[in-house]
């Protein structure tokens, strides 16, 4: 009777088993990556849609929050900042100011001349 030989664990068979396991792992990784590539456009579309919805909710929800409580005034960014500034003068106002200045200087010069001629020092 011929005896069947039980395959012993030779270094060659161990190496083959390791290579098969590595191959299976690589196939699983490739399948996962392939699924990720196929799902990427759908996921990107969902995230952009979700972001747009959040922006719309925040924009529409801000008025609701303002109705509930009063916002503390922040002088760094509020309207109070612009109240302290002098308004810009217009071109017409500037030219009128120059004319008034010239008239006043001429009046002062005339007053000094009159005083100098009528009062004898």
Protein backbone atom coordinates (compact mmCIF):
# COMPACT_ATOMS: atom_id res chain seq x y z
CA UNK A 1 0.00 0.00 0.00
CA UNK A 2 1.19 3.32 -0.96
CA UNK A 3 1.11 5.90 1.68
CA UNK A 4 0.08 9.39 0.84
CA UNK A 5 2.54 11.95 1.78
CA UNK A 6 1.27 14.75 3.96
CA UNK A 7 2.67 17.97 2.66
CA UNK A 8 5.10 19.21 5.16
CA UNK A 9 5.50 22.87 5.79
CA UNK A 10 8.49 23.63 3.73
CA UNK A 11 9.81 27.14 3.33
CA UNK A 12 8.43 27.16 -0.19
CA UNK A 13 4.86 26.40 0.89
CA UNK A 14 5.08 28.96 3.70
CA UNK A 15 6.21 31.58 1.22
CA UNK A 16 3.32 30.66 -1.10
CA UNK A 17 0.82 31.06 1.77
CA UNK A 18 2.26 34.46 2.67
CA UNK A 19 2.07 35.57 -0.95
CA UNK A 20 -1.58 34.44 -1.21
CA UNK A 21 -2.47 36.40 1.93
CA UNK A 22 -0.71 39.47 0.61
CA UNK A 23 -2.52 39.08 -2.70
CA UNK A 24 -5.90 38.85 -0.92
CA UNK A 25 -5.10 41.93 1.14
CA UNK A 26 -4.08 43.85 -1.96
CA UNK A 27 -7.27 42.82 -3.77
CA UNK A 28 -9.36 44.02 -0.82
CA UNK A 29 -7.51 47.33 -0.80
CA UNK A 30 -7.98 47.70 -4.56
CA UNK A 31 -11.72 46.99 -4.24
CA UNK A 32 -12.03 49.54 -1.42
CA UNK A 33 -10.15 52.16 -3.40
CA UNK A 34 -12.20 51.46 -6.52
CA UNK A 35 -15.41 51.93 -4.50
CA UNK A 36 -14.04 55.18 -3.09
CA UNK A 37 -13.25 56.45 -6.60
CA UNK A 38 -16.74 55.57 -7.82
CA UNK A 39 -18.41 57.20 -4.78
CA UNK A 40 -16.27 60.36 -4.77
CA UNK A 41 -18.43 62.49 -7.14
CA UNK A 42 -21.61 61.56 -5.26
CA UNK A 43 -20.03 62.38 -1.89
CA UNK A 44 -18.68 65.68 -3.21
CA UNK A 45 -22.11 66.63 -4.53
CA UNK A 46 -23.70 65.77 -1.18
CA UNK A 47 -21.18 67.84 0.78
CA UNK A 48 -21.67 70.90 -1.45
CA UNK A 49 -25.45 70.54 -1.19
CA UNK A 50 -25.21 70.22 2.59
CA UNK A 51 -22.94 73.29 2.82
CA UNK A 52 -25.37 75.34 0.71
CA UNK A 53 -28.25 74.27 2.95
CA UNK A 54 -26.29 75.25 6.07
CA UNK A 55 -25.48 78.65 4.60
CA UNK A 56 -29.13 79.22 3.73
CA UNK A 57 -30.20 78.13 7.21
CA UNK A 58 -27.70 80.50 8.84
CA UNK A 59 -28.75 83.37 6.60
CA UNK A 60 -32.44 82.88 7.26
CA UNK A 61 -31.96 81.95 10.92
CA UNK A 62 -30.08 85.11 11.88
CA UNK A 63 -33.19 87.26 11.84
CA UNK A 64 -34.92 84.79 14.15
CA UNK A 65 -32.08 85.00 16.64
CA UNK A 66 -32.15 88.79 16.59
CA UNK A 67 -35.84 88.78 17.38
CA UNK A 68 -35.28 86.65 20.47
CA UNK A 69 -32.61 88.69 22.25
CA UNK A 70 -30.78 91.92 21.77
CA UNK A 71 -27.25 91.68 20.50
CA UNK A 72 -24.64 93.38 22.70
CA UNK A 73 -23.20 96.44 21.06
CA UNK A 74 -19.65 96.06 19.86
CA UNK A 75 -18.06 99.43 19.23
CA UNK A 76 -15.28 97.94 17.14
CA UNK A 77 -17.55 96.88 14.30
CA UNK A 78 -20.84 98.65 14.93
CA UNK A 79 -22.42 101.75 13.52
CA UNK A 80 -21.01 103.79 16.39
CA UNK A 81 -17.62 103.74 14.71
CA UNK A 82 -18.78 105.92 11.81
CA UNK A 83 -20.68 108.41 14.00
CA UNK A 84 -17.43 109.87 15.35
CA UNK A 85 -15.98 110.64 11.94
CA UNK A 86 -16.40 114.10 10.41
CA UNK A 87 -18.44 113.86 7.22
CA UNK A 88 -16.52 114.55 4.04
CA UNK A 89 -16.98 118.06 2.74
CA UNK A 90 -18.33 118.46 -0.71
CA UNK A 91 -16.59 120.41 -3.49
CA UNK A 92 -19.14 123.23 -3.34
CA UNK A 93 -18.73 123.57 0.42
CA UNK A 94 -14.94 123.68 0.07
CA UNK A 95 -15.04 126.44 -2.54
CA UNK A 96 -17.51 128.41 -0.40
CA UNK A 97 -15.16 128.01 2.56
CA UNK A 98 -12.22 129.37 0.56
CA UNK A 99 -14.27 132.35 -0.59
CA UNK A 100 -15.38 133.09 2.96
CA UNK A 101 -11.75 132.89 4.14
CA UNK A 102 -10.64 135.41 1.48
CA UNK A 103 -13.50 137.78 2.40
CA UNK A 104 -12.64 137.59 6.08
CA UNK A 105 -8.92 138.19 5.43
CA UNK A 106 -9.78 141.22 3.26
CA UNK A 107 -12.12 142.52 5.98
CA UNK A 108 -9.41 142.12 8.59
CA UNK A 109 -6.91 143.92 6.35
CA UNK A 110 -9.37 146.79 5.81
CA UNK A 111 -10.06 147.01 9.54
CA UNK A 112 -6.32 147.18 10.32
CA UNK A 113 -5.81 149.81 7.59
CA UNK A 114 -8.71 151.94 8.90
CA UNK A 115 -7.47 151.71 12.49
CA UNK A 116 -3.95 152.63 11.39
CA UNK A 117 -5.14 155.70 9.42
CA UNK A 118 -7.59 157.09 11.99
CA UNK A 119 -5.64 156.50 15.17
CA UNK A 120 -2.35 158.30 15.40
CA UNK A 121 0.15 156.46 17.55
